[in-house]
Amino acid sequence: MRVLYIDELFLINLAADYFLLLGTAKLCGVAAKRRRLALGAVIGAVYAVVAALPRLELAAHPVFRVLSAAVMLLCSFGLRKKLLRYALVFFALSAAAAGAVAGLELAGGGAVIARVNLGVFAVAFLACYAVITLIFRRVARSGAQYAKLAISLGDRTITLRALIDTGNTLRDPVSDRAAAIAPASEIAALFPRDMRKRLLDALRMSPIDALPLLDFTPVAFRLLTYDAVGIESGALLCFIPDDATVDGAPRELIVAVSPNELADNVAYAAIISNDE
């Protein structure tokens, strides 16, 4: 008779879900706070325990499994337009990790799962995470280059995966700072919660129309004009952050706000130049 210990079941699923969520964030290039990932992992671990309890077998139904995964992703990444893509990556990683565990089972003569322990799952998930991360980094190095962009305003900081665009020469003519471009959906997190909806509504308007409506913010927004090949001249709202770093190195940047997401995929969330 197989015996399941609740504490071991909880810890196994806690570790597995955390690495799956962390791997999803890494592969999708989305900045996610570790405490939010941990909260999502706790929710997944609690669900696993509940689904294994006697008389609660209904909780293991596929519908409830999908719902629990949705709650985990919402807690980890928030409500985003690309949440469905994050979910697909999360499920793909889950399938890969399950395959790694199945491989251990076969290597052990089909008996590993019957005597499962935290160490077995830790090895499987860590190996899976390491391999996927290594492959992803090599693919990234072979093509586009990325960097970790951190922007701070007051006591709030956001971290975004940024594309290093060697053709980006956008600069602020007043301060002579190079411009980092980030979407309004990400920039809003730098401001107090009570003004975010109003801020987003303004940032998604025409920059010229929005500028007079942004007096309520703690920063001074202004217009930054640009010229792009094949595109007529335009303008973006911009502001100078309290602090900015690129891969941990301080950079004097001005932040230009795009009303839309910058990419059709999840490879990056911001654009910077490699101009020092």
C-alpha atoms as a PDB file:
ATOM      1  CA  MET A   1       0.000   0.000   0.000  1.00  0.00           C
ATOM      2  CA  ARG A   2       1.383   3.378  -1.003  1.00  0.00           C
ATOM      3  CA  VAL A   3       1.509   5.984   1.788  1.00  0.00           C
ATOM      4  CA  LEU A   4       1.470   9.705   1.055  1.00  0.00           C
ATOM      5  CA  TYR A   5       2.800  12.065   3.713  1.00  0.00           C
ATOM      6  CA  ILE A   6       1.125  15.451   3.564  1.00  0.00           C
ATOM      7  CA  ASP A   7       4.238  17.416   4.527  1.00  0.00           C
ATOM      8  CA  GLU A   8       6.353  15.674   1.883  1.00  0.00           C
ATOM      9  CA  LEU A   9       3.635  16.072  -0.755  1.00  0.00           C
ATOM     10  CA  PHE A  10       3.386  19.777   0.073  1.00  0.00           C
ATOM     11  CA  LEU A  11       7.146  20.363  -0.109  1.00  0.00           C
ATOM     12  CA  ILE A  12       7.550  18.424  -3.361  1.00  0.00           C
ATOM     13  CA  ASN A  13       4.834  20.429  -5.065  1.00  0.00           C
ATOM     14  CA  LEU A  14       6.025  23.696  -3.534  1.00  0.00           C
ATOM     15  CA  ALA A  15       9.517  23.216  -4.984  1.00  0.00           C
ATOM     16  CA  ALA A  16       8.222  21.953  -8.324  1.00  0.00           C
ATOM     17  CA  ASP A  17       5.697  24.766  -8.794  1.00  0.00           C
ATOM     18  CA  TYR A  18       8.209  27.435  -7.821  1.00  0.00           C
ATOM     19  CA  PHE A  19      10.752  26.260 -10.390  1.00  0.00           C
ATOM     20  CA  LEU A  20       8.044  25.932 -13.032  1.00  0.00           C
ATOM     21  CA  LEU A  21       6.876  29.500 -12.400  1.00  0.00           C
ATOM     22  CA  LEU A  22      10.449  30.786 -12.278  1.00  0.00           C
ATOM     23  CA  GLY A  23      11.249  28.989 -15.531  1.00  0.00           C
ATOM     24  CA  THR A  24       8.133  30.492 -17.126  1.00  0.00           C
ATOM     25  CA  ALA A  25       9.226  33.981 -16.084  1.00  0.00           C
ATOM     26  CA  LYS A  26      12.736  33.417 -17.435  1.00  0.00           C
ATOM     27  CA  LEU A  27      11.607  32.008 -20.775  1.00  0.00           C
ATOM     28  CA  CYS A  28       8.935  34.661 -21.284  1.00  0.00           C
ATOM     29  CA  GLY A  29      11.241  37.511 -20.301  1.00  0.00           C
ATOM     30  CA  VAL A  30       8.724  38.815 -17.788  1.00  0.00           C
ATOM     31  CA  ALA A  31       9.833  40.503 -14.595  1.00  0.00           C
ATOM     32  CA  ALA A  32       8.164  38.780 -11.665  1.00  0.00           C
ATOM     33  CA  LYS A  33       8.839  39.329  -7.995  1.00  0.00           C
ATOM     34  CA  ARG A  34      10.113  36.259  -6.183  1.00  0.00           C
ATOM     35  CA  ARG A  35       7.541  36.631  -3.411  1.00  0.00           C
ATOM     36  CA  ARG A  36       4.737  36.521  -5.978  1.00  0.00           C
ATOM     37  CA  LEU A  37       6.229  33.394  -7.521  1.00  0.00           C
ATOM     38  CA  ALA A  38       6.469  31.895  -4.035  1.00  0.00           C
ATOM     39  CA  LEU A  39       2.814  32.726  -3.376  1.00  0.00           C
ATOM     40  CA  GLY A  40       1.815  31.021  -6.631  1.00  0.00           C
ATOM     41  CA  ALA A  41       3.857  27.966  -5.638  1.00  0.00           C
ATOM     42  CA  VAL A  42       2.174  27.836  -2.223  1.00  0.00           C
ATOM     43  CA  ILE A  43      -1.244  27.899  -3.885  1.00  0.00           C
ATOM     44  CA  GLY A  44      -0.233  25.024  -6.152  1.00  0.00           C
ATOM     45  CA  ALA A  45       1.140  23.017  -3.235  1.00  0.00           C
ATOM     46  CA  VAL A  46      -1.998  23.530  -1.168  1.00  0.00           C
ATOM     47  CA  TYR A  47      -4.140  22.424  -4.102  1.00  0.00           C
ATOM     48  CA  ALA A  48      -2.019  19.263  -4.516  1.00  0.00           C
ATOM     49  CA  VAL A  49      -2.579  18.354  -0.869  1.00  0.00           C
ATOM     50  CA  VAL A  50      -6.324  19.014  -1.048  1.00  0.00           C
ATOM     51  CA  ALA A  51      -6.665  16.950  -4.249  1.00  0.00           C
ATOM     52  CA  ALA A  52      -4.923  13.997  -2.559  1.00  0.00           C
ATOM     53  CA  LEU A  53      -7.113  13.945   0.544  1.00  0.00           C
ATOM     54  CA  PRO A  54      -9.684  11.151   0.924  1.00  0.00           C
ATOM     55  CA  ARG A  55     -13.235  12.078  -0.089  1.00  0.00           C
ATOM     56  CA  LEU A  56     -11.917  15.070  -2.051  1.00  0.00           C
ATOM     57  CA  GLU A  57     -10.974  13.179  -5.205  1.00  0.00           C
ATOM     58  CA  LEU A  58     -13.229  15.515  -7.203  1.00  0.00           C
ATOM     59  CA  ALA A  59     -10.652  18.256  -6.664  1.00  0.00           C
ATOM     60  CA  ALA A  60      -8.252  16.282  -8.890  1.00  0.00           C
ATOM     61  CA  HIS A  61     -10.591  16.685 -11.885  1.00  0.00           C
ATOM     62  CA  PRO A  62      -8.819  18.295 -14.887  1.00  0.00           C
ATOM     63  CA  VAL A  63     -11.119  21.327 -14.696  1.00  0.00           C
ATOM     64  CA  PHE A  64      -9.957  22.093 -11.155  1.00  0.00           C
ATOM     65  CA  ARG A  65      -6.341  21.445 -12.153  1.00  0.00           C
ATOM     66  CA  VAL A  66      -6.605  24.068 -14.886  1.00  0.00           C
ATOM     67  CA  LEU A  67      -8.345  26.487 -12.512  1.00  0.00           C
ATOM     68  CA  SER A  68      -5.621  26.055  -9.908  1.00  0.00           C
ATOM     69  CA  ALA A  69      -2.959  26.705 -12.551  1.00  0.00           C
ATOM     70  CA  ALA A  70      -4.826  29.850 -13.627  1.00  0.00           C
ATOM     71  CA  VAL A  71      -4.890  31.136 -10.039  1.00  0.00           C
ATOM     72  CA  MET A  72      -1.172  30.378  -9.686  1.00  0.00           C
ATOM     73  CA  LEU A  73      -0.348  32.323 -12.840  1.00  0.00           C
ATOM     74  CA  LEU A  74      -2.550  35.263 -11.848  1.00  0.00           C
ATOM     75  CA  CYS A  75      -0.899  35.478  -8.440  1.00  0.00           C
ATOM     76  CA  SER A  76       2.573  35.193  -9.953  1.00  0.00           C
ATOM     77  CA  PHE A  77       2.289  37.532 -12.945  1.00  0.00           C
ATOM     78  CA  GLY A  78      -0.896  39.524 -12.470  1.00  0.00           C
ATOM     79  CA  LEU A  79      -3.583  40.087 -15.086  1.00  0.00           C
ATOM     80  CA  ARG A  80      -1.668  40.712 -18.320  1.00  0.00           C
ATOM     81  CA  LYS A  81      -2.573  40.588 -21.977  1.00  0.00           C
ATOM     82  CA  LYS A  82      -0.012  37.828 -22.557  1.00  0.00           C
ATOM     83  CA  LEU A  83      -1.134  35.686 -19.635  1.00  0.00           C
ATOM     84  CA  LEU A  84      -2.381  32.979 -22.015  1.00  0.00           C
ATOM     85  CA  ARG A  85       1.096  32.717 -23.554  1.00  0.00           C
ATOM     86  CA  TYR A  86       2.614  32.455 -20.081  1.00  0.00           C
ATOM     87  CA  ALA A  87       0.138  29.663 -19.361  1.00  0.00           C
ATOM     88  CA  LEU A  88       1.197  27.757 -22.490  1.00  0.00           C
ATOM     89  CA  VAL A  89       4.860  28.040 -21.492  1.00  0.00           C
ATOM     90  CA  PHE A  90       4.007  26.955 -17.935  1.00  0.00           C
ATOM     91  CA  PHE A  91       2.172  23.851 -19.169  1.00  0.00           C
ATOM     92  CA  ALA A  92       4.989  23.048 -21.606  1.00  0.00           C
ATOM     93  CA  LEU A  93       7.526  23.226 -18.784  1.00  0.00           C
ATOM     94  CA  SER A  94       5.258  21.075 -16.617  1.00  0.00           C
ATOM     95  CA  ALA A  95       5.136  18.440 -19.340  1.00  0.00           C
ATOM     96  CA  ALA A  96       8.946  18.561 -19.704  1.00  0.00           C
ATOM     97  CA  ALA A  97       9.413  18.190 -15.956  1.00  0.00           C
ATOM     98  CA  ALA A  98       6.942  15.307 -15.842  1.00  0.00           C
ATOM     99  CA  GLY A  99       8.956  13.650 -18.606  1.00  0.00           C
ATOM    100  CA  ALA A 100      12.132  14.056 -16.548  1.00  0.00           C
ATOM    101  CA  VAL A 101      10.478  12.382 -13.561  1.00  0.00           C
ATOM    102  CA  ALA A 102       9.171   9.595 -15.810  1.00  0.00           C
ATOM    103  CA  GLY A 103      12.711   9.119 -17.084  1.00  0.00           C
ATOM    104  CA  LEU A 104      13.930   8.647 -13.528  1.00  0.00           C
ATOM    105  CA  GLU A 105      11.146   6.149 -12.999  1.00  0.00           C
ATOM    106  CA  LEU A 106      12.267   4.113 -16.009  1.00  0.00           C
ATOM    107  CA  ALA A 107      15.914   4.349 -14.962  1.00  0.00           C
ATOM    108  CA  GLY A 108      14.945   2.931 -11.604  1.00  0.00           C
ATOM    109  CA  GLY A 109      13.068   0.003 -13.048  1.00  0.00           C
ATOM    110  CA  GLY A 110       9.697   1.677 -12.760  1.00  0.00           C
ATOM    111  CA  ALA A 111       9.847   1.930  -8.992  1.00  0.00           C
ATOM    112  CA  VAL A 112      11.012   5.489  -8.352  1.00  0.00           C
ATOM    113  CA  ILE A 113       7.549   7.000  -8.210  1.00  0.00           C
ATOM    114  CA  ALA A 114       6.423   4.400  -5.711  1.00  0.00           C
ATOM    115  CA  ARG A 115       9.127   5.463  -3.284  1.00  0.00           C
ATOM    116  CA  VAL A 116       9.154   9.124  -4.301  1.00  0.00           C
ATOM    117  CA  ASN A 117      11.003  11.569  -2.107  1.00  0.00           C
ATOM    118  CA  LEU A 118      11.822  15.251  -2.165  1.00  0.00           C
ATOM    119  CA  GLY A 119      15.355  14.626  -3.411  1.00  0.00           C
ATOM    120  CA  VAL A 120      14.202  12.793  -6.546  1.00  0.00           C
ATOM    121  CA  PHE A 121      11.847  15.574  -7.575  1.00  0.00           C
ATOM    122  CA  ALA A 122      14.375  18.273  -6.673  1.00  0.00           C
ATOM    123  CA  VAL A 123      16.983  16.677  -8.946  1.00  0.00           C
ATOM    124  CA  ALA A 124      14.484  16.246 -11.787  1.00  0.00           C
ATOM    125  CA  PHE A 125      13.145  19.782 -11.670  1.00  0.00           C
ATOM    126  CA  LEU A 126      16.523  21.437 -11.116  1.00  0.00           C
ATOM    127  CA  ALA A 127      18.001  19.528 -14.045  1.00  0.00           C
ATOM    128  CA  CYS A 128      15.051  20.435 -16.245  1.00  0.00           C
ATOM    129  CA  TYR A 129      15.274  24.107 -15.265  1.00  0.00           C
ATOM    130  CA  ALA A 130      19.040  24.205 -15.847  1.00  0.00           C
ATOM    131  CA  VAL A 131      18.817  22.594 -19.292  1.00  0.00           C
ATOM    132  CA  ILE A 132      15.995  24.869 -20.464  1.00  0.00           C
ATOM    133  CA  THR A 133      17.758  27.980 -19.146  1.00  0.00           C
ATOM    134  CA  LEU A 134      21.023  26.983 -20.843  1.00  0.00           C
ATOM    135  CA  ILE A 135      19.294  26.373 -24.176  1.00  0.00           C
ATOM    136  CA  PHE A 136      17.402  29.646 -23.901  1.00  0.00           C
ATOM    137  CA  ARG A 137      20.561  31.654 -23.146  1.00  0.00           C
ATOM    138  CA  ARG A 138      22.408  30.121 -26.100  1.00  0.00           C
ATOM    139  CA  VAL A 139      19.534  30.906 -28.436  1.00  0.00           C
ATOM    140  CA  ALA A 140      19.459  34.454 -27.115  1.00  0.00           C
ATOM    141  CA  ARG A 141      23.200  34.900 -27.604  1.00  0.00           C
ATOM    142  CA  SER A 142      22.998  33.611 -31.175  1.00  0.00           C
ATOM    143  CA  GLY A 143      20.563  36.328 -32.173  1.00  0.00           C
ATOM    144  CA  ALA A 144      19.315  39.396 -30.383  1.00  0.00           C
ATOM    145  CA  GLN A 145      20.969  40.646 -27.214  1.00  0.00           C
ATOM    146  CA  TYR A 146      19.056  41.417 -24.055  1.00  0.00           C
ATOM    147  CA  ALA A 147      19.724  43.083 -20.738  1.00  0.00           C
ATOM    148  CA  LYS A 148      17.975  43.484 -17.393  1.00  0.00           C
ATOM    149  CA  LEU A 149      16.647  47.026 -17.085  1.00  0.00           C
ATOM    150  CA  ALA A 150      15.699  48.289 -13.622  1.00  0.00           C
ATOM    151  CA  ILE A 151      13.817  51.586 -13.263  1.00  0.00           C
ATOM    152  CA  SER A 152      13.184  53.207  -9.877  1.00  0.00           C
ATOM    153  CA  LEU A 153      10.841  55.966  -8.834  1.00  0.00           C
ATOM    154  CA  GLY A 154      10.647  56.744  -5.133  1.00  0.00           C
ATOM    155  CA  ASP A 155      10.499  53.448  -3.254  1.00  0.00           C
ATOM    156  CA  ARG A 156       9.172  51.501  -6.250  1.00  0.00           C
ATOM    157  CA  THR A 157      11.290  49.609  -8.773  1.00  0.00           C
ATOM    158  CA  ILE A 158      10.339  47.594 -11.846  1.00  0.00           C
ATOM    159  CA  THR A 159      12.670  45.180 -13.630  1.00  0.00           C
ATOM    160  CA  LEU A 160      12.166  44.491 -17.325  1.00  0.00           C
ATOM    161  CA  ARG A 161      13.886  42.325 -19.895  1.00  0.00           C
ATOM    162  CA  ALA A 162      15.085  44.805 -22.511  1.00  0.00           C
ATOM    163  CA  LEU A 163      16.166  44.367 -26.104  1.00  0.00           C
ATOM    164  CA  ILE A 164      19.505  46.061 -26.834  1.00  0.00           C
ATOM    165  CA  ASP A 165      18.766  47.892 -30.070  1.00  0.00           C
ATOM    166  CA  THR A 166      22.000  49.069 -31.711  1.00  0.00           C
ATOM    167  CA  GLY A 167      19.961  51.175 -34.120  1.00  0.00           C
ATOM    168  CA  ASN A 168      18.167  53.032 -31.344  1.00  0.00           C
ATOM    169  CA  THR A 169      19.577  56.572 -31.276  1.00  0.00           C
ATOM    170  CA  LEU A 170      16.658  58.158 -29.436  1.00  0.00           C
ATOM    171  CA  ARG A 171      17.951  60.750 -26.949  1.00  0.00           C
ATOM    172  CA  ASP A 172      16.499  63.542 -24.896  1.00  0.00           C
ATOM    173  CA  PRO A 173      17.784  66.828 -26.411  1.00  0.00           C
ATOM    174  CA  VAL A 174      17.421  68.610 -23.059  1.00  0.00           C
ATOM    175  CA  SER A 175      19.338  66.247 -20.744  1.00  0.00           C
ATOM    176  CA  ASP A 176      21.221  64.351 -23.511  1.00  0.00           C
ATOM    177  CA  ARG A 177      20.181  61.078 -21.867  1.00  0.00           C
ATOM    178  CA  ALA A 178      19.657  57.961 -23.957  1.00  0.00           C
ATOM    179  CA  ALA A 179      16.045  56.835 -23.993  1.00  0.00           C
ATOM    180  CA  ALA A 180      14.707  53.530 -22.741  1.00  0.00           C
ATOM    181  CA  ILE A 181      11.289  52.689 -24.151  1.00  0.00           C
ATOM    182  CA  ALA A 182       8.815  50.754 -22.019  1.00  0.00           C
ATOM    183  CA  PRO A 183       5.058  50.113 -22.277  1.00  0.00           C
ATOM    184  CA  ALA A 184       2.549  52.011 -20.178  1.00  0.00           C
ATOM    185  CA  SER A 185       1.311  48.737 -18.645  1.00  0.00           C
ATOM    186  CA  GLU A 186       4.728  48.217 -17.011  1.00  0.00           C
ATOM    187  CA  ILE A 187       5.461  51.858 -16.140  1.00  0.00           C
ATOM    188  CA  ALA A 188       2.203  52.184 -14.203  1.00  0.00           C
ATOM    189  CA  ALA A 189       3.617  49.921 -11.468  1.00  0.00           C
ATOM    190  CA  LEU A 190       6.026  52.731 -10.507  1.00  0.00           C
ATOM    191  CA  PHE A 191       3.152  54.903  -9.303  1.00  0.00           C
ATOM    192  CA  PRO A 192       0.808  54.656  -6.279  1.00  0.00           C
ATOM    193  CA  ARG A 193      -2.106  52.293  -6.743  1.00  0.00           C
ATOM    194  CA  ASP A 194      -4.719  55.028  -6.380  1.00  0.00           C
ATOM    195  CA  MET A 195      -3.494  56.811  -9.503  1.00  0.00           C
ATOM    196  CA  ARG A 196      -2.634  53.874 -11.789  1.00  0.00           C
ATOM    197  CA  LYS A 197      -5.957  53.607 -13.634  1.00  0.00           C
ATOM    198  CA  ARG A 198      -6.067  57.331 -14.265  1.00  0.00           C
ATOM    199  CA  LEU A 199      -2.438  57.248 -15.332  1.00  0.00           C
ATOM    200  CA  LEU A 200      -2.970  54.346 -17.738  1.00  0.00           C
ATOM    201  CA  ASP A 201      -5.978  56.060 -19.287  1.00  0.00           C
ATOM    202  CA  ALA A 202      -3.848  59.141 -19.941  1.00  0.00           C
ATOM    203  CA  LEU A 203      -0.769  57.258 -21.176  1.00  0.00           C
ATOM    204  CA  ARG A 204      -2.831  55.399 -23.743  1.00  0.00           C
ATOM    205  CA  MET A 205      -4.062  58.655 -25.279  1.00  0.00           C
ATOM    206  CA  SER A 206      -2.283  60.732 -27.859  1.00  0.00           C
ATOM    207  CA  PRO A 207       0.837  62.111 -26.094  1.00  0.00           C
ATOM    208  CA  ILE A 208      -0.080  65.701 -26.954  1.00  0.00           C
ATOM    209  CA  ASP A 209      -3.593  65.250 -25.543  1.00  0.00           C
ATOM    210  CA  ALA A 210      -2.350  63.346 -22.488  1.00  0.00           C
ATOM    211  CA  LEU A 211       0.383  65.753 -21.390  1.00  0.00           C
ATOM    212  CA  PRO A 212      -1.948  68.347 -19.784  1.00  0.00           C
ATOM    213  CA  LEU A 213      -3.738  65.561 -17.873  1.00  0.00           C
ATOM    214  CA  LEU A 214      -0.642  64.252 -16.070  1.00  0.00           C
ATOM    215  CA  ASP A 215      -0.162  67.043 -13.529  1.00  0.00           C
ATOM    216  CA  PHE A 216      -1.342  64.726 -10.735  1.00  0.00           C
ATOM    217  CA  THR A 217       1.740  62.490 -11.006  1.00  0.00           C
ATOM    218  CA  PRO A 218       4.861  62.941  -8.844  1.00  0.00           C
ATOM    219  CA  VAL A 219       7.090  63.265 -11.942  1.00  0.00           C
ATOM    220  CA  ALA A 220       7.224  65.851 -14.698  1.00  0.00           C
ATOM    221  CA  PHE A 221       6.197  64.261 -17.980  1.00  0.00           C
ATOM    222  CA  ARG A 222       7.229  65.914 -21.230  1.00  0.00           C
ATOM    223  CA  LEU A 223       7.281  65.072 -24.910  1.00  0.00           C
ATOM    224  CA  LEU A 224      10.141  63.337 -26.684  1.00  0.00           C
ATOM    225  CA  THR A 225       9.979  63.517 -30.461  1.00  0.00           C
ATOM    226  CA  TYR A 226      11.374  60.833 -32.739  1.00  0.00           C
ATOM    227  CA  ASP A 227      11.949  59.975 -36.390  1.00  0.00           C
ATOM    228  CA  ALA A 228      11.878  56.378 -37.601  1.00  0.00           C
ATOM    229  CA  VAL A 229      12.742  54.918 -40.975  1.00  0.00           C
ATOM    230  CA  GLY A 230       9.579  54.439 -42.994  1.00  0.00           C
ATOM    231  CA  ILE A 231       7.460  56.015 -40.251  1.00  0.00           C
ATOM    232  CA  GLU A 232       6.444  59.642 -39.977  1.00  0.00           C
ATOM    233  CA  SER A 233       7.732  61.668 -37.039  1.00  0.00           C
ATOM    234  CA  GLY A 234       5.966  61.305 -33.724  1.00  0.00           C
ATOM    235  CA  ALA A 235       6.270  61.880 -30.004  1.00  0.00           C
ATOM    236  CA  LEU A 236       6.294  59.837 -26.824  1.00  0.00           C
ATOM    237  CA  LEU A 237       5.664  60.875 -23.255  1.00  0.00           C
ATOM    238  CA  CYS A 238       8.811  60.623 -21.170  1.00  0.00           C
ATOM    239  CA  PHE A 239      10.175  61.283 -17.677  1.00  0.00           C
ATOM    240  CA  ILE A 240      13.461  61.049 -15.822  1.00  0.00           C
ATOM    241  CA  PRO A 241      13.463  58.249 -13.207  1.00  0.00           C
ATOM    242  CA  ASP A 242      15.143  58.526  -9.814  1.00  0.00           C
ATOM    243  CA  ASP A 243      17.477  55.683 -10.757  1.00  0.00           C
ATOM    244  CA  ALA A 244      18.096  53.266 -13.620  1.00  0.00           C
ATOM    245  CA  THR A 245      20.455  50.340 -14.089  1.00  0.00           C
ATOM    246  CA  VAL A 246      21.256  48.044 -17.005  1.00  0.00           C
ATOM    247  CA  ASP A 247      22.492  44.627 -15.906  1.00  0.00           C
ATOM    248  CA  GLY A 248      23.213  46.181 -12.525  1.00  0.00           C
ATOM    249  CA  ALA A 249      25.311  49.057 -13.897  1.00  0.00           C
ATOM    250  CA  PRO A 250      23.957  52.603 -13.317  1.00  0.00           C
ATOM    251  CA  ARG A 251      22.802  54.395 -16.474  1.00  0.00           C
ATOM    252  CA  GLU A 252      21.511  57.914 -16.921  1.00  0.00           C
ATOM    253  CA  LEU A 253      18.370  57.226 -18.907  1.00  0.00           C
ATOM    254  CA  ILE A 254      15.165  58.969 -19.745  1.00  0.00           C
ATOM    255  CA  VAL A 255      12.141  56.669 -19.904  1.00  0.00           C
ATOM    256  CA  ALA A 256       9.871  57.034 -22.926  1.00  0.00           C
ATOM    257  CA  VAL A 257       6.435  55.488 -22.502  1.00  0.00           C
ATOM    258  CA  SER A 258       4.861  53.508 -25.313  1.00  0.00           C
ATOM    259  CA  PRO A 259       1.050  53.270 -25.184  1.00  0.00           C
ATOM    260  CA  ASN A 260       1.298  49.721 -26.586  1.00  0.00           C
ATOM    261  CA  GLU A 261       3.345  46.588 -25.954  1.00  0.00           C
ATOM    262  CA  LEU A 262       6.674  46.644 -27.789  1.00  0.00           C
ATOM    263  CA  ALA A 263       6.696  43.105 -29.207  1.00  0.00           C
ATOM    264  CA  ASP A 264       4.273  40.528 -30.538  1.00  0.00           C
ATOM    265  CA  ASN A 265       6.057  37.856 -28.512  1.00  0.00           C
ATOM    266  CA  VAL A 266       7.258  37.601 -24.936  1.00  0.00           C
ATOM    267  CA  ALA A 267      10.975  37.942 -25.665  1.00  0.00           C
ATOM    268  CA  TYR A 268      11.317  41.430 -24.196  1.00  0.00           C
ATOM    269  CA  ALA A 269       9.302  44.189 -22.553  1.00  0.00           C
ATOM    270  CA  ALA A 270      11.492  47.259 -23.169  1.00  0.00           C
ATOM    271  CA  ILE A 271      14.031  48.645 -25.636  1.00  0.00           C
ATOM    272  CA  ILE A 272      17.351  50.316 -24.824  1.00  0.00           C
ATOM    273  CA  SER A 273      20.384  51.300 -26.866  1.00  0.00           C
ATOM    274  CA  ASN A 274      23.913  50.052 -26.262  1.00  0.00           C
ATOM    275  CA  ASP A 275      25.108  53.641 -26.175  1.00  0.00           C
ATOM    276  CA  GLU A 276      26.941  54.319 -22.936  1.00  0.00           C
END
